[in-house]
C-alpha atoms as a PDB file:
ATOM      1  CA  MET A   1     164.714-135.324  93.697  1.00  0.00           C
ATOM      2  CA  ARG A   2     164.211-137.583  96.704  1.00  0.00           C
ATOM      3  CA  PHE A   3     167.514-136.354  98.178  1.00  0.00           C
ATOM      4  CA  ARG A   4     166.246-132.760  97.998  1.00  0.00           C
ATOM      5  CA  LYS A   5     163.040-133.701  99.809  1.00  0.00           C
ATOM      6  CA  ASN A   6     165.022-135.453 102.546  1.00  0.00           C
ATOM      7  CA  ILE A   7     167.145-132.352 103.092  1.00  0.00           C
ATOM      8  CA  SER A   8     164.039-130.181 103.319  1.00  0.00           C
ATOM      9  CA  ILE A   9     162.472-132.519 105.855  1.00  0.00           C
ATOM     10  CA  TRP A  10     165.613-132.510 108.008  1.00  0.00           C
ATOM     11  CA  VAL A  11     165.870-128.722 107.887  1.00  0.00           C
ATOM     12  CA  LEU A  12     162.218-128.375 108.878  1.00  0.00           C
ATOM     13  CA  LEU A  13     162.672-130.890 111.684  1.00  0.00           C
ATOM     14  CA  PHE A  14     165.686-128.942 112.909  1.00  0.00           C
ATOM     15  CA  ILE A  15     163.643-125.733 112.940  1.00  0.00           C
ATOM     16  CA  VAL A  16     160.823-127.391 114.885  1.00  0.00           C
ATOM     17  CA  VAL A  17     163.259-128.756 117.475  1.00  0.00           C
ATOM     18  CA  LEU A  18     164.839-125.332 117.851  1.00  0.00           C
ATOM     19  CA  ALA A  19     161.419-123.725 118.225  1.00  0.00           C
ATOM     20  CA  VAL A  20     160.558-126.161 121.015  1.00  0.00           C
ATOM     21  CA  LEU A  21     163.869-125.400 122.717  1.00  0.00           C
ATOM     22  CA  LEU A  22     163.143-121.727 122.343  1.00  0.00           C
ATOM     23  CA  LEU A  23     159.792-122.129 124.086  1.00  0.00           C
ATOM     24  CA  LEU A  24     161.374-124.105 126.906  1.00  0.00           C
ATOM     25  CA  GLN A  25     164.406-121.906 127.377  1.00  0.00           C
ATOM     26  CA  GLN A  26     164.734-118.256 126.350  1.00  0.00           C
ATOM     27  CA  SER A  27     168.297-118.254 125.109  1.00  0.00           C
ATOM     28  CA  THR A  28     170.009-115.936 122.659  1.00  0.00           C
ATOM     29  CA  ILE A  29     171.973-118.826 121.173  1.00  0.00           C
ATOM     30  CA  VAL A  30     168.801-120.785 120.450  1.00  0.00           C
ATOM     31  CA  ILE A  31     167.219-117.723 118.853  1.00  0.00           C
ATOM     32  CA  LEU A  32     170.287-117.236 116.655  1.00  0.00           C
ATOM     33  CA  LEU A  33     170.327-120.911 115.653  1.00  0.00           C
ATOM     34  CA  LEU A  34     166.653-120.696 114.752  1.00  0.00           C
ATOM     35  CA  LEU A  35     167.337-117.590 112.685  1.00  0.00           C
ATOM     36  CA  PHE A  36     170.233-119.242 110.835  1.00  0.00           C
ATOM     37  CA  ALA A  37     168.209-122.404 110.194  1.00  0.00           C
ATOM     38  CA  THR A  38     165.364-120.333 108.806  1.00  0.00           C
ATOM     39  CA  LEU A  39     167.731-118.388 106.567  1.00  0.00           C
ATOM     40  CA  ALA A  40     169.288-121.627 105.319  1.00  0.00           C
ATOM     41  CA  LEU A  41     165.846-122.953 104.441  1.00  0.00           C
ATOM     42  CA  ILE A  42     164.970-119.714 102.634  1.00  0.00           C
ATOM     43  CA  PHE A  43     168.161-119.811 100.553  1.00  0.00           C
ATOM     44  CA  TYR A  44     167.703-123.501  99.779  1.00  0.00           C
ATOM     45  CA  THR A  45     164.106-122.940  98.679  1.00  0.00           C
ATOM     46  CA  ALA A  46     165.133-119.957  96.542  1.00  0.00           C
ATOM     47  CA  ARG A  47     167.761-122.082  94.806  1.00  0.00           C
ATOM     48  CA  LEU A  48     165.223-124.825  94.102  1.00  0.00           C
ATOM     49  CA  LEU A  49     162.715-122.301  92.763  1.00  0.00           C
ATOM     50  CA  ASN A  50     165.369-120.761  90.528  1.00  0.00           C
ATOM     51  CA  GLN A  51     166.289-124.177  89.099  1.00  0.00           C
ATOM     52  CA  ARG A  52     162.633-125.035  88.519  1.00  0.00           C
ATOM     53  CA  SER A  53     162.091-121.682  86.819  1.00  0.00           C
ATOM     54  CA  MET A  54     164.997-122.374  84.460  1.00  0.00           C
ATOM     55  CA  GLU A  55     163.569-125.811  83.642  1.00  0.00           C
ATOM     56  CA  LEU A  56     160.106-124.429  82.911  1.00  0.00           C
ATOM     57  CA  THR A  57     161.568-121.661  80.744  1.00  0.00           C
ATOM     58  CA  ALA A  58     163.515-124.233  78.732  1.00  0.00           C
ATOM     59  CA  PHE A  59     160.433-126.441  78.282  1.00  0.00           C
ATOM     60  CA  ASN A  60     158.408-123.419  77.194  1.00  0.00           C
ATOM     61  CA  HIS A  61     161.049-122.492  74.639  1.00  0.00           C
ATOM     62  CA  LEU A  62     161.170-126.069  73.327  1.00  0.00           C
ATOM     63  CA  ALA A  63     157.377-126.163  73.035  1.00  0.00           C
ATOM     64  CA  GLN A  64     157.389-122.926  71.042  1.00  0.00           C
ATOM     65  CA  VAL A  65     160.029-124.306  68.682  1.00  0.00           C
ATOM     66  CA  VAL A  66     158.120-127.557  68.204  1.00  0.00           C
ATOM     67  CA  ALA A  67     154.888-125.619  67.542  1.00  0.00           C
ATOM     68  CA  SER A  68     156.595-123.546  64.844  1.00  0.00           C
ATOM     69  CA  HIS A  69     157.191-126.715  62.743  1.00  0.00           C
ATOM     70  CA  PRO A  70     160.959-126.431  62.324  1.00  0.00           C
ATOM     71  CA  THR A  71     163.170-128.766  60.384  1.00  0.00           C
ATOM     72  CA  LEU A  72     164.718-131.673  62.240  1.00  0.00           C
ATOM     73  CA  ASP A  73     168.107-129.911  62.265  1.00  0.00           C
ATOM     74  CA  ASP A  74     166.591-126.779  63.842  1.00  0.00           C
ATOM     75  CA  LEU A  75     164.746-128.852  66.413  1.00  0.00           C
ATOM     76  CA  LEU A  76     167.856-130.819  67.381  1.00  0.00           C
ATOM     77  CA  ALA A  77     169.906-127.618  67.626  1.00  0.00           C
ATOM     78  CA  CYS A  78     167.296-126.146  69.984  1.00  0.00           C
ATOM     79  CA  PHE A  79     167.240-129.304  72.127  1.00  0.00           C
ATOM     80  CA  TYR A  80     171.031-129.291  72.245  1.00  0.00           C
ATOM     81  CA  GLN A  81     171.156-125.649  73.330  1.00  0.00           C
ATOM     82  CA  GLN A  82     168.502-126.020  76.052  1.00  0.00           C
ATOM     83  CA  ILE A  83     170.044-129.191  77.480  1.00  0.00           C
ATOM     84  CA  GLN A  84     173.446-127.474  77.649  1.00  0.00           C
ATOM     85  CA  VAL A  85     171.895-124.662  79.684  1.00  0.00           C
ATOM     86  CA  LEU A  86     169.886-126.890  82.036  1.00  0.00           C
ATOM     87  CA  TRP A  87     172.532-129.500  82.750  1.00  0.00           C
ATOM     88  CA  GLN A  88     175.569-127.222  82.407  1.00  0.00           C
ATOM     89  CA  ALA A  89     176.959-129.824  80.007  1.00  0.00           C
ATOM     90  CA  PRO A  90     179.676-128.367  77.773  1.00  0.00           C
ATOM     91  CA  SER A  91     179.423-131.250  75.312  1.00  0.00           C
ATOM     92  CA  PHE A  92     177.211-134.260  74.731  1.00  0.00           C
ATOM     93  CA  TYR A  93     175.678-136.105  71.780  1.00  0.00           C
ATOM     94  CA  ILE A  94     172.169-136.587  70.481  1.00  0.00           C
ATOM     95  CA  ALA A  95     171.764-139.821  68.538  1.00  0.00           C
ATOM     96  CA  LEU A  96     168.994-140.647  66.095  1.00  0.00           C
ATOM     97  CA  TYR A  97     168.110-144.319  65.867  1.00  0.00           C
ATOM     98  CA  SER A  98     166.673-145.970  62.823  1.00  0.00           C
ATOM     99  CA  GLN A  99     166.390-149.656  62.066  1.00  0.00           C
ATOM    100  CA  ASN A 100     168.757-149.120  59.122  1.00  0.00           C
ATOM    101  CA  LYS A 101     171.310-146.723  60.612  1.00  0.00           C
ATOM    102  CA  ILE A 102     172.365-144.650  63.599  1.00  0.00           C
ATOM    103  CA  GLN A 103     173.208-140.953  63.112  1.00  0.00           C
ATOM    104  CA  PHE A 104     174.926-138.449  65.381  1.00  0.00           C
ATOM    105  CA  PRO A 105     173.872-135.073  63.966  1.00  0.00           C
ATOM    106  CA  PHE A 106     174.990-133.094  67.043  1.00  0.00           C
END
């Protein structure tokens, strides 16, 4: 998450520098660079918003499943499905820990 913030800060700094250059020198190249930097920031922000939307949708779905009082198997299947979607992980394991035994139901 910190890496994303650093990129946003650098993009914004780049836009501010270009805006200052634009004020000092009316150049078509500077205007085009400012336009491209702005478009890059818009696309980057849209991608972040899309990812956040997917995360919130998954959490909402998980909360609805938990509220419906499912069995442990149903709950683990739902967690498994949502984590696959969010992390684009084709396979992974969920382990249940008990003092007596460890189980890998999924």
